PDB file of N, CA and C in Angstrom:
ATOM      1  N   MET A   1      51.565-207.483 -91.606  1.00  0.00           N
ATOM      2  CA  MET A   1      51.672-206.669 -90.593  1.00  0.00           C
ATOM      3  C   MET A   1      49.331-207.461 -90.455  1.00  0.00           C
ATOM      4  N   PRO A   2      48.731-207.259 -89.663  1.00  0.00           N
ATOM      5  CA  PRO A   2      47.929-207.655 -89.312  1.00  0.00           C
ATOM      6  C   PRO A   2      47.097-206.087 -90.048  1.00  0.00           C
ATOM      7  N   ASP A   3      45.822-206.093 -90.305  1.00  0.00           N
ATOM      8  CA  ASP A   3      45.031-204.783 -90.802  1.00  0.00           C
ATOM      9  C   ASP A   3      44.216-203.877 -89.606  1.00  0.00           C
ATOM     10  N   PRO A   4      44.571-203.501 -89.551  1.00  0.00           N
ATOM     11  CA  PRO A   4      44.447-202.122 -90.493  1.00  0.00           C
ATOM     12  C   PRO A   4      45.827-201.902 -90.917  1.00  0.00           C
ATOM     13  N   LYS A   5      46.821-201.247 -91.676  1.00  0.00           N
ATOM     14  CA  LYS A   5      46.929-200.484 -92.790  1.00  0.00           C
ATOM     15  C   LYS A   5      47.799-199.267 -93.908  1.00  0.00           C
ATOM     16  N   VAL A   6      48.696-198.944 -93.228  1.00  0.00           N
ATOM     17  CA  VAL A   6      48.909-197.430 -94.400  1.00  0.00           C
ATOM     18  C   VAL A   6      50.132-197.629 -94.305  1.00  0.00           C
ATOM     19  N   VAL A   7      50.057-197.910 -96.321  1.00  0.00           N
ATOM     20  CA  VAL A   7      51.952-197.784 -96.695  1.00  0.00           C
ATOM     21  C   VAL A   7      51.200-196.690 -97.233  1.00  0.00           C
ATOM     22  N   ILE A   8      52.546-195.908 -96.862  1.00  0.00           N
ATOM     23  CA  ILE A   8      53.024-194.347 -97.204  1.00  0.00           C
ATOM     24  C   ILE A   8      54.717-194.606 -97.907  1.00  0.00           C
ATOM     25  N   ALA A   9      54.418-193.836 -99.149  1.00  0.00           N
ATOM     26  CA  ALA A   9      56.010-194.096 -99.356  1.00  0.00           C
ATOM     27  C   ALA A   9      56.010-192.757 -99.216  1.00  0.00           C
ATOM     28  N   ALA A  10      57.765-192.188 -98.816  1.00  0.00           N
ATOM     29  CA  ALA A  10      58.474-191.167 -98.564  1.00  0.00           C
ATOM     30  C   ALA A  10      59.590-190.861 -99.085  1.00  0.00           C
ATOM     31  N   GLY A  11      60.044-190.145 -99.386  1.00  0.00           N
ATOM     32  CA  GLY A  11      61.123-189.424 -99.748  1.00  0.00           C
ATOM     33  C   GLY A  11      61.287-190.308-102.166  1.00  0.00           C
ATOM     34  N   ALA A  12      62.220-189.650-102.356  1.00  0.00           N
ATOM     35  CA  ALA A  12      62.144-190.139-104.381  1.00  0.00           C
ATOM     36  C   ALA A  12      62.223-191.458-104.094  1.00  0.00           C
ATOM     37  N   ASP A  13      63.450-191.614-103.684  1.00  0.00           N
ATOM     38  CA  ASP A  13      63.593-192.952-103.359  1.00  0.00           C
ATOM     39  C   ASP A  13      62.635-194.254-103.844  1.00  0.00           C
ATOM     40  N   ALA A  14      61.198-193.751-102.873  1.00  0.00           N
ATOM     41  CA  ALA A  14      60.575-194.896-102.094  1.00  0.00           C
ATOM     42  C   ALA A  14      59.940-195.003-103.292  1.00  0.00           C
ATOM     43  N   VAL A  15      58.646-193.384-104.258  1.00  0.00           N
ATOM     44  CA  VAL A  15      57.824-193.045-105.191  1.00  0.00           C
ATOM     45  C   VAL A  15      58.675-194.157-106.479  1.00  0.00           C
ATOM     46  N   SER A  16      59.687-193.394-106.719  1.00  0.00           N
ATOM     47  CA  SER A  16      60.025-193.522-108.333  1.00  0.00           C
ATOM     48  C   SER A  16      61.490-194.551-108.620  1.00  0.00           C
ATOM     49  N   GLY A  17      62.442-195.073-107.347  1.00  0.00           N
ATOM     50  CA  GLY A  17      63.387-194.988-107.618  1.00  0.00           C
ATOM     51  C   GLY A  17      64.876-194.553-107.623  1.00  0.00           C
ATOM     52  N   GLY A  18      64.232-193.453-107.152  1.00  0.00           N
ATOM     53  CA  GLY A  18      65.715-192.184-107.092  1.00  0.00           C
ATOM     54  C   GLY A  18      66.376-191.771-108.543  1.00  0.00           C
ATOM     55  N   LEU A  19      67.516-191.209-107.842  1.00  0.00           N
ATOM     56  CA  LEU A  19      68.048-191.287-108.935  1.00  0.00           C
ATOM     57  C   LEU A  19      68.762-192.391-109.697  1.00  0.00           C
ATOM     58  N   LEU A  20      69.171-193.836-109.424  1.00  0.00           N
ATOM     59  CA  LEU A  20      69.284-195.115-109.429  1.00  0.00           C
ATOM     60  C   LEU A  20      67.891-195.822-109.509  1.00  0.00           C
ATOM     61  N   THR A  21      66.615-194.541-110.643  1.00  0.00           N
ATOM     62  CA  THR A  21      66.208-195.641-111.270  1.00  0.00           C
ATOM     63  C   THR A  21      66.417-196.515-112.726  1.00  0.00           C
ATOM     64  N   ASP A  22      67.525-196.784-113.207  1.00  0.00           N
ATOM     65  CA  ASP A  22      67.897-196.500-114.486  1.00  0.00           C
ATOM     66  C   ASP A  22      69.129-198.575-114.253  1.00  0.00           C
ATOM     67  N   SER A  23      69.296-198.084-113.314  1.00  0.00           N
ATOM     68  CA  SER A  23      69.872-199.235-112.816  1.00  0.00           C
ATOM     69  C   SER A  23      69.051-200.527-112.653  1.00  0.00           C
ATOM     70  N   GLU A  24      70.226-201.259-112.848  1.00  0.00           N
ATOM     71  CA  GLU A  24      69.493-202.901-112.952  1.00  0.00           C
ATOM     72  C   GLU A  24      69.891-202.996-111.399  1.00  0.00           C
ATOM     73  N   ALA A  25      69.861-202.379-110.428  1.00  0.00           N
ATOM     74  CA  ALA A  25      69.779-203.015-108.868  1.00  0.00           C
ATOM     75  C   ALA A  25      68.328-201.888-108.875  1.00  0.00           C
ATOM     76  N   VAL A  26      67.521-201.617-109.229  1.00  0.00           N
ATOM     77  CA  VAL A  26      66.675-201.145-108.365  1.00  0.00           C
ATOM     78  C   VAL A  26      65.150-201.513-109.821  1.00  0.00           C
ATOM     79  N   SER A  27      64.107-201.750-109.046  1.00  0.00           N
ATOM     80  CA  SER A  27      63.036-202.002-109.394  1.00  0.00           C
ATOM     81  C   SER A  27      62.298-200.644-109.806  1.00  0.00           C
ATOM     82  N   GLY A  28      62.583-199.537-109.586  1.00  0.00           N
ATOM     83  CA  GLY A  28      61.289-198.322-109.063  1.00  0.00           C
ATOM     84  C   GLY A  28      61.026-198.591-107.998  1.00  0.00           C
ATOM     85  N   GLY A  29      60.075-197.771-107.828  1.00  0.00           N
ATOM     86  CA  GLY A  29      59.249-197.256-106.760  1.00  0.00           C
ATOM     87  C   GLY A  29      58.706-198.707-105.519  1.00  0.00           C
ATOM     88  N   ILE A  30      58.587-198.511-104.982  1.00  0.00           N
ATOM     89  CA  ILE A  30      58.031-198.838-103.498  1.00  0.00           C
ATOM     90  C   ILE A  30      56.698-199.959-104.260  1.00  0.00           C
ATOM     91  N   ALA A  31      55.794-199.325-105.100  1.00  0.00           N
ATOM     92  CA  ALA A  31      54.542-199.518-105.222  1.00  0.00           C
ATOM     93  C   ALA A  31      55.220-201.246-106.401  1.00  0.00           C
ATOM     94  N   ALA A  32      56.073-201.385-106.465  1.00  0.00           N
ATOM     95  CA  ALA A  32      56.853-202.798-107.301  1.00  0.00           C
ATOM     96  C   ALA A  32      55.945-203.876-106.501  1.00  0.00           C
ATOM     97  N   ILE A  33      56.307-202.872-105.196  1.00  0.00           N
ATOM     98  CA  ILE A  33      56.189-204.568-104.743  1.00  0.00           C
ATOM     99  C   ILE A  33      54.692-204.627-103.629  1.00  0.00           C
ATOM    100  N   VAL A  34      54.439-203.949-102.693  1.00  0.00           N
ATOM    101  CA  VAL A  34      53.601-202.799-102.277  1.00  0.00           C
ATOM    102  C   VAL A  34      52.650-202.076-102.252  1.00  0.00           C
ATOM    103  N   PRO A  35      51.069-202.564-102.745  1.00  0.00           N
ATOM    104  CA  PRO A  35      50.486-200.912-102.556  1.00  0.00           C
ATOM    105  C   PRO A  35      50.677-199.903-102.026  1.00  0.00           C
ATOM    106  N   VAL A  36      50.473-198.963-102.636  1.00  0.00           N
ATOM    107  CA  VAL A  36      50.676-197.178-101.672  1.00  0.00           C
ATOM    108  C   VAL A  36      49.644-196.783-101.660  1.00  0.00           C
ATOM    109  N   ASP A  37      49.771-196.570-100.154  1.00  0.00           N
ATOM    110  CA  ASP A  37      47.906-195.694-100.057  1.00  0.00           C
ATOM    111  C   ASP A  37      48.364-194.042-100.591  1.00  0.00           C
ATOM    112  N   VAL A  38      49.498-193.562 -99.977  1.00  0.00           N
ATOM    113  CA  VAL A  38      49.528-192.119 -99.513  1.00  0.00           C
ATOM    114  C   VAL A  38      51.084-191.893-100.818  1.00  0.00           C
ATOM    115  N   TRP A  39      51.234-190.710-101.204  1.00  0.00           N
ATOM    116  CA  TRP A  39      52.149-190.592-102.121  1.00  0.00           C
ATOM    117  C   TRP A  39      53.061-189.234-101.547  1.00  0.00           C
ATOM    118  N   LEU A  40      54.852-189.370-101.669  1.00  0.00           N
ATOM    119  CA  LEU A  40      54.423-188.523-100.725  1.00  0.00           C
ATOM    120  C   LEU A  40      56.578-187.727-100.702  1.00  0.00           C
ATOM    121  N   PRO A  41      57.288-187.035-101.989  1.00  0.00           N
ATOM    122  CA  PRO A  41      57.287-187.368-103.668  1.00  0.00           C
ATOM    123  C   PRO A  41      58.821-186.505-101.970  1.00  0.00           C
ATOM    124  N   GLY A  42      60.013-185.528-102.583  1.00  0.00           N
ATOM    125  CA  GLY A  42      60.676-185.177-102.324  1.00  0.00           C
ATOM    126  C   GLY A  42      62.172-186.287-102.203  1.00  0.00           C
ATOM    127  N   SER A  43      63.201-185.171-101.621  1.00  0.00           N
ATOM    128  CA  SER A  43      64.185-185.541-101.760  1.00  0.00           C
ATOM    129  C   SER A  43      65.103-184.427-100.448  1.00  0.00           C
ATOM    130  N   PRO A  44      65.493-184.602 -99.339  1.00  0.00           N
ATOM    131  CA  PRO A  44      64.232-185.498 -98.393  1.00  0.00           C
ATOM    132  C   PRO A  44      62.701-184.871 -98.297  1.00  0.00           C
ATOM    133  N   PRO A  45      61.219-185.855 -98.281  1.00  0.00           N
ATOM    134  CA  PRO A  45      60.332-185.057 -98.385  1.00  0.00           C
ATOM    135  C   PRO A  45      60.409-184.177 -96.695  1.00  0.00           C
ATOM    136  N   SER A  46      60.114-182.600 -96.685  1.00  0.00           N
ATOM    137  CA  SER A  46      59.771-181.601 -95.889  1.00  0.00           C
ATOM    138  C   SER A  46      58.826-182.446 -94.603  1.00  0.00           C
ATOM    139  N   PRO A  47      59.134-182.067 -93.277  1.00  0.00           N
ATOM    140  CA  PRO A  47      58.653-182.543 -92.351  1.00  0.00           C
ATOM    141  C   PRO A  47      56.684-182.282 -92.178  1.00  0.00           C
ATOM    142  N   PHE A  48      56.637-180.716 -93.063  1.00  0.00           N
ATOM    143  CA  PHE A  48      54.794-180.526 -93.288  1.00  0.00           C
ATOM    144  C   PHE A  48      54.897-181.294 -94.491  1.00  0.00           C
ATOM    145  N   GLY A  49      55.756-182.107 -95.319  1.00  0.00           N
ATOM    146  CA  GLY A  49      54.538-182.874 -96.323  1.00  0.00           C
ATOM    147  C   GLY A  49      54.749-184.534 -95.344  1.00  0.00           C
ATOM    148  N   LEU A  50      55.126-184.614 -94.216  1.00  0.00           N
ATOM    149  CA  LEU A  50      55.622-186.110 -93.750  1.00  0.00           C
ATOM    150  C   LEU A  50      53.908-186.243 -92.429  1.00  0.00           C
ATOM    151  N   LEU A  51      53.826-184.730 -92.341  1.00  0.00           N
ATOM    152  CA  LEU A  51      52.510-185.338 -91.539  1.00  0.00           C
ATOM    153  C   LEU A  51      51.640-185.038 -92.933  1.00  0.00           C
ATOM    154  N   ASN A  52      51.749-184.304 -93.175  1.00  0.00           N
ATOM    155  CA  ASN A  52      50.177-184.673 -93.706  1.00  0.00           C
ATOM    156  C   ASN A  52      49.867-185.442 -94.210  1.00  0.00           C
ATOM    157  N   ALA A  53      51.063-186.336 -94.783  1.00  0.00           N
ATOM    158  CA  ALA A  53      51.289-187.370 -95.267  1.00  0.00           C
ATOM    159  C   ALA A  53      50.484-188.947 -94.152  1.00  0.00           C
ATOM    160  N   LEU A  54      50.796-188.241 -92.491  1.00  0.00           N
ATOM    161  CA  LEU A  54      50.206-189.038 -92.081  1.00  0.00           C
ATOM    162  C   LEU A  54      48.898-188.547 -91.284  1.00  0.00           C
ATOM    163  N   LEU A  55      47.978-187.891 -91.860  1.00  0.00           N
ATOM    164  CA  LEU A  55      47.075-186.993 -91.160  1.00  0.00           C
ATOM    165  C   LEU A  55      45.983-188.054 -91.945  1.00  0.00           C
ATOM    166  N   ILE A  56      46.844-187.552 -93.815  1.00  0.00           N
ATOM    167  CA  ILE A  56      45.226-188.650 -94.932  1.00  0.00           C
ATOM    168  C   ILE A  56      45.975-189.995 -94.462  1.00  0.00           C
ATOM    169  N   ALA A  57      47.422-190.663 -94.528  1.00  0.00           N
ATOM    170  CA  ALA A  57      46.714-192.419 -93.536  1.00  0.00           C
ATOM    171  C   ALA A  57      45.949-192.209 -92.274  1.00  0.00           C
ATOM    172  N   VAL A  58      45.797-191.927 -91.672  1.00  0.00           N
ATOM    173  CA  VAL A  58      45.020-191.450 -90.772  1.00  0.00           C
ATOM    174  C   VAL A  58      43.448-191.338 -91.291  1.00  0.00           C
ATOM    175  N   GLY A  59      43.351-190.363 -91.928  1.00  0.00           N
ATOM    176  CA  GLY A  59      41.682-189.714 -91.696  1.00  0.00           C
ATOM    177  C   GLY A  59      41.754-191.659 -93.133  1.00  0.00           C
ATOM    178  N   GLN A  60      42.633-192.184 -93.495  1.00  0.00           N
ATOM    179  CA  GLN A  60      41.538-193.220 -94.145  1.00  0.00           C
ATOM    180  C   GLN A  60      41.565-194.276 -93.193  1.00  0.00           C
ATOM    181  N   LEU A  61      42.610-195.009 -92.568  1.00  0.00           N
ATOM    182  CA  LEU A  61      42.376-195.653 -90.793  1.00  0.00           C
ATOM    183  C   LEU A  61      40.291-195.558 -91.105  1.00  0.00           C
ATOM    184  N   ALA A  62      40.771-193.791 -90.943  1.00  0.00           N
ATOM    185  CA  ALA A  62      39.169-193.803 -89.944  1.00  0.00           C
ATOM    186  C   ALA A  62      37.959-194.478 -91.496  1.00  0.00           C
ATOM    187  N   ASP A  63      38.299-193.753 -92.200  1.00  0.00           N
ATOM    188  CA  ASP A  63      37.049-194.460 -93.187  1.00  0.00           C
ATOM    189  C   ASP A  63      36.962-195.740 -93.769  1.00  0.00           C
ATOM    190  N   GLY A  64      37.844-196.226 -93.347  1.00  0.00           N
ATOM    191  CA  GLY A  64      38.157-198.816 -93.414  1.00  0.00           C
ATOM    192  C   GLY A  64      39.073-198.325 -94.298  1.00  0.00           C
ATOM    193  N   GLY A  65      40.085-198.116 -93.717  1.00  0.00           N
ATOM    194  CA  GLY A  65      41.422-198.664 -95.012  1.00  0.00           C
ATOM    195  C   GLY A  65      41.169-198.610 -96.192  1.00  0.00           C
ATOM    196  N   LYS A  66      40.202-197.831 -97.236  1.00  0.00           N
ATOM    197  CA  LYS A  66      39.842-197.599 -98.690  1.00  0.00           C
ATOM    198  C   LYS A  66      41.647-196.952 -99.437  1.00  0.00           C
ATOM    199  N   ARG A  67      40.991-198.309-100.241  1.00  0.00           N
ATOM    200  CA  ARG A  67      43.713-197.084-101.255  1.00  0.00           C
ATOM    201  C   ARG A  67      42.321-196.545-101.814  1.00  0.00           C
ATOM    202  N   GLY A  68      44.249-196.026-102.353  1.00  0.00           N
ATOM    203  CA  GLY A  68      43.392-195.141-103.455  1.00  0.00           C
ATOM    204  C   GLY A  68      43.070-193.567-103.546  1.00  0.00           C
ATOM    205  N   ALA A  69      42.497-193.302-101.740  1.00  0.00           N
ATOM    206  CA  ALA A  69      41.725-192.209-102.028  1.00  0.00           C
ATOM    207  C   ALA A  69      43.121-191.492-100.715  1.00  0.00           C
ATOM    208  N   GLU A  70      43.895-189.839-102.002  1.00  0.00           N
ATOM    209  CA  GLU A  70      43.940-189.087-101.571  1.00  0.00           C
ATOM    210  C   GLU A  70      43.167-187.839-100.589  1.00  0.00           C
TER     211      GLU A  70
END
């Protein structure tokens, strides 16, 4: 994906691997594969939480895409 990009980990499965995190089929959260900019826990995440994560992501893009600044 071309720059700029922001990765949002939405939901317990994406954040930590969810209920199956101790299984050999799960490698943990998505951060083991790609760098995550915004973390959104919940199973399922709330609509207001998702809106907040999108606003944070847009703010990071406006700041030049600085990773890790939540």
